[in-house]
């Protein structure tokens, strides 16, 4: 008598007895449950190393020189704006007694949010062992460093007397003037400087094995010496790998805590005040979600063109773009929920000033069009990512994420300017209008950011070679023997 036990495998279905429609459905289901590889087209470790290193080894393309020239020209706007500000005074900005926090703090929070996202993406995905993130970690870490540098421009210059900015640090001085440790501005100095230093260390430690690989490959003597200094004598021994992985893990944990700490400090700049529109406990998740949201949008903006220009489609795959778009969709849903909670809290809170700020001024006030654009860009346009076809179309995704990137800046503008321009006394109400110095200084920060990023991808591996090789099938010592091209051995971790 026939019987079935757990060790007995069920018989394979007779596909010849099924209709064509059922065969198609089964084939589609099998494709759905089959996970895509991290590197497509069965590329081996040698090909991965050659392709990533070719970005540095090959002659510099013409488009890179054009892009650097444009970015350098735009970056000069910031330099000229700051010099004009220092020589003339803060009055060249559009700030006034009513809106004394305006574009400077708006731009600071915008850039610091992108900086938070880069480390959060790289560190948290590494701690949770998300192996698909190996293709985007390095790009996200570099984005953090450069964005925080752009953000650091504003706290130093917006104090007016730039030559006294060093008073922000707790340094003894002849006048016995000590910083006010209750000032949110001082909190920003400590938080941002600590976060920047840890982010640079986290980024640099991940670069060490790849710098050693470039040291052994590059033929230019000057660059070879540069990479030799950068890799700190890395030889790829088992002891060095063990120390490297432990150090990288510890820095990822510290960076994750610092992201939360810095988000808390920046949000405390607003939530510790009594200004209607700021006085709320929702600002920590508000700023955290907004940072991840803007960071993933900026990451897609950077990766899609580089993926095409350097022919890295097999390493930065459609799966990477798809998953990044899913994160954008998730953050759009969360930020929409926070928008609703703001109005709900203002309604049940019982404060007439809060109700006026949210229900009259933000929607129907002079900045109502800004709030409406923010809502459309951040809450409605990203809903297109519910479609898998859109998520897997890189250039379409690139076009869509531009709108949330603009929307995240509008969100900071709405939070800051529309809350302070009309305070408790109608006699002190006023309007903020940016001057050409405001606009040029902010525009120039994009030039600074992209100029540093272009230099990064030209002289340093933009994708972690060692991490990509570690997720290849041949890196698994228990994988079945396969014919590996170019003489690479199964299970090899050689960099």
Protein backbone atom coordinates (compact mmCIF):
# COMPACT_ATOMS: atom_id res chain seq x y z
CA UNK A 1 0.00 0.00 0.00
CA UNK A 2 1.45 3.35 -1.00
CA UNK A 3 1.99 5.89 1.71
CA UNK A 4 3.61 9.35 2.05
CA UNK A 5 6.34 10.30 4.52
CA UNK A 6 8.07 13.69 5.02
CA UNK A 7 11.16 12.30 3.33
CA UNK A 8 9.23 11.33 0.21
CA UNK A 9 9.30 13.99 -2.49
CA UNK A 10 6.01 14.55 -4.30
CA UNK A 11 5.98 13.67 -7.95
CA UNK A 12 6.69 16.43 -10.46
CA UNK A 13 3.54 17.71 -12.15
CA UNK A 14 2.81 16.51 -15.65
CA UNK A 15 3.18 19.73 -17.59
CA UNK A 16 2.14 17.95 -20.77
CA UNK A 17 -1.32 17.42 -19.28
CA UNK A 18 -1.79 21.05 -18.37
CA UNK A 19 -3.15 23.72 -20.58
CA UNK A 20 -0.90 26.36 -22.06
CA UNK A 21 -2.37 28.96 -19.75
CA UNK A 22 -1.54 26.91 -16.67
CA UNK A 23 2.01 26.36 -17.90
CA UNK A 24 2.49 30.09 -18.31
CA UNK A 25 1.12 30.72 -14.83
CA UNK A 26 3.48 28.14 -13.30
CA UNK A 27 6.46 29.61 -15.14
CA UNK A 28 5.53 33.11 -14.00
CA UNK A 29 5.19 31.95 -10.39
CA UNK A 30 8.58 30.25 -10.54
CA UNK A 31 10.15 33.47 -11.80
CA UNK A 32 8.51 35.36 -8.94
CA UNK A 33 9.90 33.11 -6.23
CA UNK A 34 13.37 32.98 -7.77
CA UNK A 35 15.51 35.69 -6.21
CA UNK A 36 17.55 37.75 -8.63
CA UNK A 37 21.33 37.54 -8.27
CA UNK A 38 23.25 40.42 -6.75
CA UNK A 39 25.41 40.55 -9.89
CA UNK A 40 23.70 39.64 -13.14
CA UNK A 41 24.87 37.68 -16.21
CA UNK A 42 26.96 35.27 -14.10
CA UNK A 43 29.86 37.69 -13.75
CA UNK A 44 32.84 36.37 -11.80
CA UNK A 45 35.14 38.04 -9.27
CA UNK A 46 37.76 38.96 -11.85
CA UNK A 47 35.22 40.71 -14.07
CA UNK A 48 33.78 42.61 -11.08
CA UNK A 49 37.20 43.88 -10.04
CA UNK A 50 38.16 44.84 -13.58
CA UNK A 51 34.91 46.67 -14.27
CA UNK A 52 34.91 48.73 -11.05
CA UNK A 53 38.62 49.51 -11.34
CA UNK A 54 38.23 50.50 -14.99
CA UNK A 55 36.38 53.63 -13.87
CA UNK A 56 39.71 54.83 -12.44
CA UNK A 57 42.15 53.11 -14.80
CA UNK A 58 40.56 54.11 -18.11
CA UNK A 59 41.20 57.54 -19.61
CA UNK A 60 39.02 60.27 -18.17
CA UNK A 61 35.92 60.70 -20.38
CA UNK A 62 35.07 64.05 -21.88
CA UNK A 63 31.74 64.31 -20.06
CA UNK A 64 33.60 64.21 -16.73
CA UNK A 65 35.62 67.31 -17.59
CA UNK A 66 32.46 69.10 -18.72
CA UNK A 67 30.61 68.10 -15.55
CA UNK A 68 33.49 69.18 -13.32
CA UNK A 69 33.70 72.53 -15.09
CA UNK A 70 29.98 73.16 -14.63
CA UNK A 71 30.01 71.99 -10.99
CA UNK A 72 33.07 74.13 -10.24
CA UNK A 73 31.45 77.17 -11.80
CA UNK A 74 28.25 76.67 -9.82
CA UNK A 75 30.26 76.08 -6.62
CA UNK A 76 31.86 79.50 -7.06
CA UNK A 77 28.42 81.03 -6.40
CA UNK A 78 28.66 79.87 -2.79
CA UNK A 79 32.18 81.23 -2.39
CA UNK A 80 31.20 84.61 -3.85
CA UNK A 81 28.01 84.75 -1.77
CA UNK A 82 29.90 84.04 1.47
CA UNK A 83 32.61 86.60 0.68
CA UNK A 84 29.96 89.22 -0.09
CA UNK A 85 28.13 88.32 3.12
CA UNK A 86 31.26 88.66 5.25
CA UNK A 87 32.32 91.94 3.66
CA UNK A 88 28.85 93.53 3.73
CA UNK A 89 26.81 91.94 6.53
CA UNK A 90 23.87 89.62 7.08
CA UNK A 91 21.56 92.26 5.68
CA UNK A 92 22.33 90.99 2.18
CA UNK A 93 20.11 88.01 3.03
CA UNK A 94 16.34 88.37 3.02
CA UNK A 95 15.94 87.79 6.75
CA UNK A 96 14.07 90.29 8.91
CA UNK A 97 12.79 90.63 12.47
CA UNK A 98 9.78 88.45 11.72
CA UNK A 99 11.49 85.69 9.70
CA UNK A 100 14.90 85.71 11.34
CA UNK A 101 15.31 82.01 10.56
CA UNK A 102 14.96 81.60 6.83
CA UNK A 103 16.97 80.10 3.98
CA UNK A 104 20.15 79.57 5.96
CA UNK A 105 18.58 77.17 8.46
CA UNK A 106 16.32 75.70 5.78
CA UNK A 107 19.33 74.78 3.65
CA UNK A 108 21.24 73.52 6.68
CA UNK A 109 18.45 71.11 7.65
CA UNK A 110 18.03 70.05 4.01
CA UNK A 111 21.69 69.06 3.60
CA UNK A 112 22.01 67.53 7.05
CA UNK A 113 19.00 65.35 6.26
CA UNK A 114 20.69 63.96 3.15
CA UNK A 115 23.80 63.41 5.24
CA UNK A 116 21.82 61.45 7.82
CA UNK A 117 20.34 59.23 5.17
CA UNK A 118 23.64 58.13 3.63
CA UNK A 119 25.10 56.72 6.83
CA UNK A 120 21.73 55.35 7.91
CA UNK A 121 21.38 53.47 4.63
CA UNK A 122 24.92 52.07 4.72
CA UNK A 123 25.15 51.36 8.46
CA UNK A 124 21.70 49.97 9.18
CA UNK A 125 21.60 47.82 6.05
CA UNK A 126 25.04 46.46 7.00
CA UNK A 127 23.98 45.73 10.58
CA UNK A 128 20.88 43.91 9.34
CA UNK A 129 23.03 41.94 6.86
CA UNK A 130 21.19 43.12 3.76
CA UNK A 131 23.57 41.73 1.16
CA UNK A 132 21.89 43.52 -1.72
CA UNK A 133 23.11 46.83 -0.31
CA UNK A 134 26.74 46.04 -1.20
CA UNK A 135 26.22 47.75 -4.54
CA UNK A 136 25.08 51.07 -3.05
CA UNK A 137 26.87 51.30 0.33
CA UNK A 138 29.94 53.17 -0.89
CA UNK A 139 27.89 55.68 -2.87
CA UNK A 140 25.65 56.31 0.16
CA UNK A 141 28.63 56.79 2.51
CA UNK A 142 30.27 59.29 0.16
CA UNK A 143 26.97 61.12 -0.18
CA UNK A 144 26.88 61.49 3.62
CA UNK A 145 30.33 63.04 3.88
CA UNK A 146 29.82 65.58 1.12
CA UNK A 147 26.29 66.53 2.20
CA UNK A 148 27.39 67.18 5.79
CA UNK A 149 30.22 69.35 4.47
CA UNK A 150 27.67 71.41 2.53
CA UNK A 151 25.47 71.63 5.63
CA UNK A 152 28.40 72.81 7.75
CA UNK A 153 28.75 75.96 5.65
CA UNK A 154 25.65 77.59 7.11
CA UNK A 155 26.14 77.40 10.93
CA UNK A 156 29.48 79.14 10.54
CA UNK A 157 28.37 82.02 8.32
CA UNK A 158 24.84 82.69 9.53
CA UNK A 159 26.07 84.05 12.89
CA UNK A 160 27.02 87.25 11.08
CA UNK A 161 30.47 87.88 12.56
CA UNK A 162 32.22 84.88 11.09
CA UNK A 163 35.51 85.74 12.77
CA UNK A 164 33.80 85.07 16.14
CA UNK A 165 32.39 81.67 15.15
CA UNK A 166 35.13 79.95 17.13
CA UNK A 167 33.36 81.13 20.31
CA UNK A 168 30.92 78.28 19.65
CA UNK A 169 33.60 75.84 20.81
CA UNK A 170 34.27 75.53 24.57
CA UNK A 171 37.70 77.12 24.30
CA UNK A 172 39.00 79.38 27.13
CA UNK A 173 39.48 82.98 26.03
CA UNK A 174 40.71 86.24 27.47
CA UNK A 175 37.24 87.71 27.90
CA UNK A 176 36.03 84.74 29.97
CA UNK A 177 33.14 84.27 27.51
CA UNK A 178 31.86 80.71 27.49
CA UNK A 179 29.31 79.23 25.10
CA UNK A 180 25.71 79.00 26.16
CA UNK A 181 25.24 75.26 26.51
CA UNK A 182 21.46 75.73 26.49
CA UNK A 183 21.56 77.10 22.96
CA UNK A 184 20.43 74.74 20.18
CA UNK A 185 23.08 76.33 17.95
CA UNK A 186 25.80 74.91 20.20
CA UNK A 187 24.09 71.53 20.14
CA UNK A 188 24.28 71.58 16.36
CA UNK A 189 28.01 72.30 16.44
CA UNK A 190 28.77 69.31 18.66
CA UNK A 191 26.34 66.96 16.92
CA UNK A 192 27.35 67.79 13.35
CA UNK A 193 31.10 67.81 14.01
CA UNK A 194 30.95 64.45 15.80
CA UNK A 195 28.72 62.96 13.12
CA UNK A 196 31.00 64.20 10.34
CA UNK A 197 34.13 62.74 11.95
CA UNK A 198 32.53 59.32 12.50
CA UNK A 199 31.04 59.31 8.98
CA UNK A 200 34.48 60.01 7.48
CA UNK A 201 36.01 57.18 9.53
CA UNK A 202 33.20 54.80 8.53
CA UNK A 203 33.69 55.69 4.87
CA UNK A 204 37.46 55.52 5.04
CA UNK A 205 37.66 52.13 6.79
CA UNK A 206 35.49 50.62 4.06
CA UNK A 207 37.88 52.03 1.44
CA UNK A 208 41.03 50.35 2.81
CA UNK A 209 40.77 46.94 1.02
CA UNK A 210 39.79 48.59 -2.25
CA UNK A 211 42.64 51.11 -1.97
CA UNK A 212 45.01 48.15 -1.62
CA UNK A 213 43.51 46.58 -4.74
CA UNK A 214 44.07 49.81 -6.67
CA UNK A 215 47.60 50.05 -5.31
CA UNK A 216 48.39 46.67 -6.85
CA UNK A 217 46.68 47.46 -10.16
CA UNK A 218 47.44 51.07 -10.98
CA UNK A 219 50.45 51.88 -13.16
CA UNK A 220 50.71 55.61 -12.52
CA UNK A 221 53.46 56.08 -9.90
CA UNK A 222 51.84 59.08 -8.25
CA UNK A 223 48.49 57.33 -7.88
CA UNK A 224 50.22 54.13 -6.74
CA UNK A 225 51.91 56.08 -3.95
CA UNK A 226 48.59 57.75 -3.09
CA UNK A 227 46.80 54.40 -2.77
CA UNK A 228 49.73 52.89 -0.86
CA UNK A 229 49.40 55.62 1.77
CA UNK A 230 45.62 55.31 1.78
CA UNK A 231 45.49 51.54 2.36
CA UNK A 232 47.77 51.68 5.45
CA UNK A 233 49.87 48.69 4.40
CA UNK A 234 46.94 46.36 3.78
CA UNK A 235 48.00 42.87 2.68
CA UNK A 236 44.75 40.94 2.97
CA UNK A 237 45.84 38.53 5.69
CA UNK A 238 43.27 36.65 7.76
CA UNK A 239 44.14 38.74 10.82
CA UNK A 240 43.70 41.99 8.92
CA UNK A 241 40.33 40.83 7.57
CA UNK A 242 39.16 39.89 11.08
CA UNK A 243 40.21 43.27 12.50
CA UNK A 244 38.70 45.08 9.53
CA UNK A 245 35.30 43.40 9.86
CA UNK A 246 35.21 44.01 13.63
CA UNK A 247 36.16 47.68 13.22
CA UNK A 248 33.64 48.21 10.40
CA UNK A 249 30.91 46.59 12.49
CA UNK A 250 31.68 48.81 15.50
CA UNK A 251 31.72 51.96 13.37
CA UNK A 252 28.40 50.96 11.79
CA UNK A 253 26.87 50.66 15.25
CA UNK A 254 28.30 53.99 16.41
CA UNK A 255 27.22 55.72 13.20
CA UNK A 256 23.67 54.42 13.63
CA UNK A 257 23.48 55.81 17.16
CA UNK A 258 24.92 59.12 16.00
CA UNK A 259 22.28 59.36 13.27
CA UNK A 260 19.57 59.11 15.92
CA UNK A 261 21.44 61.54 18.19
CA UNK A 262 21.96 64.13 15.48
CA UNK A 263 18.33 63.84 14.34
CA UNK A 264 17.32 64.43 17.96
CA UNK A 265 19.55 67.51 18.26
CA UNK A 266 18.43 69.08 14.98
CA UNK A 267 14.77 68.43 15.80
CA UNK A 268 15.33 69.90 19.28
CA UNK A 269 16.27 73.20 17.64
CA UNK A 270 12.56 73.52 16.90
CA UNK A 271 10.63 71.35 19.35
CA UNK A 272 12.16 72.98 22.47
CA UNK A 273 10.73 76.37 21.47
CA UNK A 274 7.21 77.68 22.05
CA UNK A 275 6.70 78.88 18.47
CA UNK A 276 3.41 77.56 17.01
CA UNK A 277 4.24 74.93 14.41
CA UNK A 278 7.47 73.94 16.15
CA UNK A 279 6.41 73.08 19.68
CA UNK A 280 5.76 69.35 19.26
CA UNK A 281 7.22 65.96 20.08
CA UNK A 282 6.68 64.65 16.56
CA UNK A 283 9.80 66.33 15.18
CA UNK A 284 12.21 63.47 15.91
CA UNK A 285 10.40 60.90 13.70
CA UNK A 286 9.50 63.77 11.36
CA UNK A 287 13.14 64.62 10.73
CA UNK A 288 14.29 61.00 10.74
CA UNK A 289 11.76 59.88 8.12
CA UNK A 290 12.41 63.00 6.08
CA UNK A 291 16.15 62.37 6.14
CA UNK A 292 15.83 58.79 4.87
CA UNK A 293 13.29 59.95 2.30
CA UNK A 294 15.51 62.65 0.84
CA UNK A 295 18.58 60.43 1.05
CA UNK A 296 17.12 57.60 -1.02
CA UNK A 297 15.90 60.14 -3.58
CA UNK A 298 19.38 61.65 -3.85
CA UNK A 299 20.94 58.17 -4.02
CA UNK A 300 18.77 57.19 -6.99
CA UNK A 301 19.59 60.55 -8.60
CA UNK A 302 23.30 59.73 -8.34
CA UNK A 303 23.26 56.03 -9.21
CA UNK A 304 21.08 56.00 -12.33
CA UNK A 305 23.34 58.25 -14.50
CA UNK A 306 26.55 56.64 -13.21
CA UNK A 307 25.12 53.20 -13.89
CA UNK A 308 24.65 54.10 -17.54
CA UNK A 309 27.75 56.22 -18.09
CA UNK A 310 30.17 53.64 -16.67
CA UNK A 311 28.25 50.56 -17.90
CA UNK A 312 27.70 49.16 -14.41
CA UNK A 313 24.29 47.63 -15.15
CA UNK A 314 25.42 44.17 -14.02
CA UNK A 315 26.54 45.50 -10.61
CA UNK A 316 23.98 48.25 -9.94
CA UNK A 317 21.10 46.16 -11.17
CA UNK A 318 17.40 46.81 -11.64
CA UNK A 319 16.90 45.05 -8.34
CA UNK A 320 18.87 47.80 -6.57
CA UNK A 321 16.78 50.51 -8.25
CA UNK A 322 13.59 48.62 -7.44
CA UNK A 323 14.43 48.25 -3.74
CA UNK A 324 15.48 51.90 -3.42
CA UNK A 325 12.17 52.93 -4.99
CA UNK A 326 10.34 50.74 -2.48
CA UNK A 327 12.07 52.58 0.35
CA UNK A 328 11.05 55.88 -1.24
CA UNK A 329 7.45 54.65 -1.37
CA UNK A 330 7.56 53.55 2.27
CA UNK A 331 8.97 56.89 3.40
CA UNK A 332 6.32 58.73 1.35
CA UNK A 333 3.59 56.83 3.21
CA UNK A 334 5.19 57.55 6.58
CA UNK A 335 5.71 61.25 5.87
CA UNK A 336 2.09 61.53 4.72
CA UNK A 337 0.98 60.00 8.01
CA UNK A 338 3.11 62.55 9.90
CA UNK A 339 1.54 65.40 7.91
CA UNK A 340 -1.90 64.18 9.02
CA UNK A 341 -0.77 63.82 12.64
CA UNK A 342 0.46 67.43 12.66
CA UNK A 343 -3.02 68.68 11.87
CA UNK A 344 -4.62 66.19 14.26
CA UNK A 345 -2.40 67.24 17.17
CA UNK A 346 -3.00 70.92 16.41
CA UNK A 347 -6.77 70.27 16.49
CA UNK A 348 -6.93 68.27 19.73
CA UNK A 349 -4.23 70.33 21.46
CA UNK A 350 -6.61 73.19 22.16
CA UNK A 351 -4.14 75.98 21.39
CA UNK A 352 -5.70 78.67 19.17
CA UNK A 353 -2.26 79.70 17.95
CA UNK A 354 -1.46 76.16 16.78
CA UNK A 355 -4.83 75.91 15.03
CA UNK A 356 -4.28 79.22 13.31
CA UNK A 357 -0.79 78.19 12.12
CA UNK A 358 -1.90 74.85 10.65
CA UNK A 359 -5.50 75.37 9.56
CA UNK A 360 -5.33 78.94 8.28
CA UNK A 361 -1.81 80.17 7.70
CA UNK A 362 -0.15 77.07 6.19
CA UNK A 363 -3.00 76.18 3.86
CA UNK A 364 -4.55 79.57 3.04
CA UNK A 365 -1.74 81.93 4.04
CA UNK A 366 0.80 83.65 1.79
CA UNK A 367 2.92 80.49 1.68
CA UNK A 368 -0.05 78.19 0.98
CA UNK A 369 1.16 77.37 -2.54
CA UNK A 370 4.47 76.18 -1.07
CA UNK A 371 2.61 73.84 1.30
CA UNK A 372 0.45 72.52 -1.56
CA UNK A 373 3.51 71.80 -3.76
CA UNK A 374 5.18 70.07 -0.81
CA UNK A 375 2.14 67.83 -0.32
CA UNK A 376 1.90 66.92 -4.01
CA UNK A 377 5.63 66.25 -4.43
CA UNK A 378 6.08 64.26 -1.20
CA UNK A 379 2.76 62.42 -0.81
CA UNK A 380 1.16 61.95 -4.22
CA UNK A 381 3.80 61.71 -6.96
CA UNK A 382 5.79 58.91 -5.20
CA UNK A 383 2.64 56.77 -5.22
CA UNK A 384 3.59 55.96 -8.82
CA UNK A 385 6.12 53.54 -7.34
CA UNK A 386 3.32 51.11 -6.53
CA UNK A 387 3.84 50.01 -10.15
CA UNK A 388 6.63 47.50 -10.60
CA UNK A 389 7.17 48.58 -14.20
CA UNK A 390 7.89 52.13 -13.07
CA UNK A 391 10.20 50.98 -10.29
CA UNK A 392 12.21 48.93 -12.77
CA UNK A 393 12.55 51.72 -15.30
CA UNK A 394 15.70 53.54 -14.10
CA UNK A 395 15.22 56.78 -15.99
CA UNK A 396 11.54 56.99 -15.12
CA UNK A 397 12.43 56.45 -11.45
CA UNK A 398 15.12 59.11 -11.84
CA UNK A 399 12.53 61.59 -13.11
CA UNK A 400 10.06 60.80 -10.34
CA UNK A 401 12.50 61.15 -7.39
CA UNK A 402 13.39 64.68 -8.50
CA UNK A 403 9.99 65.82 -7.22
CA UNK A 404 10.35 64.44 -3.66
CA UNK A 405 13.87 65.91 -3.55
CA UNK A 406 12.36 69.35 -4.24
CA UNK A 407 9.50 68.55 -1.90
CA UNK A 408 11.84 67.80 1.00
CA UNK A 409 13.41 71.24 0.65
CA UNK A 410 9.92 72.79 0.50
CA UNK A 411 9.03 70.86 3.65
CA UNK A 412 11.91 72.47 5.57
CA UNK A 413 10.90 75.88 4.21
CA UNK A 414 7.30 75.37 5.32
CA UNK A 415 8.35 74.21 8.80
CA UNK A 416 10.76 77.10 9.38
CA UNK A 417 9.54 80.18 7.52
CA UNK A 418 5.78 79.70 7.65
CA UNK A 419 5.98 79.15 11.42
CA UNK A 420 7.97 82.27 12.33
CA UNK A 421 6.72 84.90 9.91
CA UNK A 422 3.45 85.17 11.84
CA UNK A 423 3.94 84.80 15.57
CA UNK A 424 1.72 85.71 18.54
CA UNK A 425 1.52 89.45 17.78
CA UNK A 426 -0.12 90.46 14.47
CA UNK A 427 1.74 93.78 14.66
CA UNK A 428 5.05 91.93 14.21
CA UNK A 429 3.97 89.85 11.24
CA UNK A 430 6.10 90.01 8.13
CA UNK A 431 7.14 88.21 4.98
CA UNK A 432 10.38 86.63 3.84
CA UNK A 433 11.59 87.07 0.28
CA UNK A 434 14.96 85.57 -0.68
CA UNK A 435 17.54 87.86 -2.22
CA UNK A 436 19.85 86.96 -5.07
CA UNK A 437 22.58 86.30 -2.48
CA UNK A 438 20.34 83.71 -0.77
CA UNK A 439 19.58 81.99 -4.07
CA UNK A 440 23.14 81.99 -5.41
CA UNK A 441 24.64 80.76 -2.12
CA UNK A 442 22.21 77.84 -1.95
CA UNK A 443 22.58 77.00 -5.64
CA UNK A 444 26.33 76.94 -5.20
CA UNK A 445 26.12 74.24 -2.52
CA UNK A 446 24.85 71.83 -5.18
CA UNK A 447 27.95 72.66 -7.20
CA UNK A 448 30.12 71.94 -4.14
CA UNK A 449 28.36 68.63 -3.57
CA UNK A 450 28.55 67.38 -7.16
CA UNK A 451 32.13 68.62 -7.60
CA UNK A 452 33.30 66.57 -4.61
CA UNK A 453 31.27 63.57 -5.80
CA UNK A 454 32.77 63.74 -9.30
CA UNK A 455 36.28 63.83 -7.83
CA UNK A 456 35.39 60.87 -5.62
CA UNK A 457 34.21 58.62 -8.46
CA UNK A 458 37.25 59.54 -10.54
CA UNK A 459 39.96 58.69 -8.01
CA UNK A 460 38.35 56.21 -5.59
CA UNK A 461 36.29 53.03 -6.22
CA UNK A 462 32.67 54.14 -6.22
CA UNK A 463 31.53 50.56 -5.46
CA UNK A 464 33.03 48.33 -2.79
CA UNK A 465 34.97 45.68 -4.75
CA UNK A 466 35.54 43.43 -1.75
CA UNK A 467 31.90 43.53 -0.67
CA UNK A 468 30.58 42.80 -4.17
CA UNK A 469 32.93 39.83 -4.52
CA UNK A 470 31.76 38.48 -1.18
CA UNK A 471 28.18 38.09 -2.44
CA UNK A 472 29.11 36.25 -5.64
CA UNK A 473 28.25 32.53 -5.83
CA UNK A 474 31.93 31.61 -6.13
CA UNK A 475 32.63 33.26 -2.76
CA UNK A 476 30.54 30.58 -1.08
CA UNK A 477 32.88 27.69 -0.10
CA UNK A 478 29.92 25.29 -0.09
CA UNK A 479 28.78 26.17 -3.60
CA UNK A 480 28.90 23.36 -6.19
CA UNK A 481 31.98 23.34 -8.44
CA UNK A 482 31.53 25.50 -11.50
CA UNK A 483 33.70 26.53 -14.36
CA UNK A 484 35.04 29.93 -13.37
CA UNK A 485 36.34 32.23 -16.03
CA UNK A 486 39.77 33.79 -15.97
CA UNK A 487 41.13 31.24 -13.52
CA UNK A 488 39.29 32.37 -10.36
CA UNK A 489 38.89 29.63 -7.78
CA UNK A 490 35.56 28.84 -6.07
CA UNK A 491 35.54 30.25 -2.56
CA UNK A 492 38.24 32.79 -3.29
CA UNK A 493 38.13 36.04 -1.28
CA UNK A 494 41.18 37.53 -2.90
CA UNK A 495 41.01 41.29 -3.42
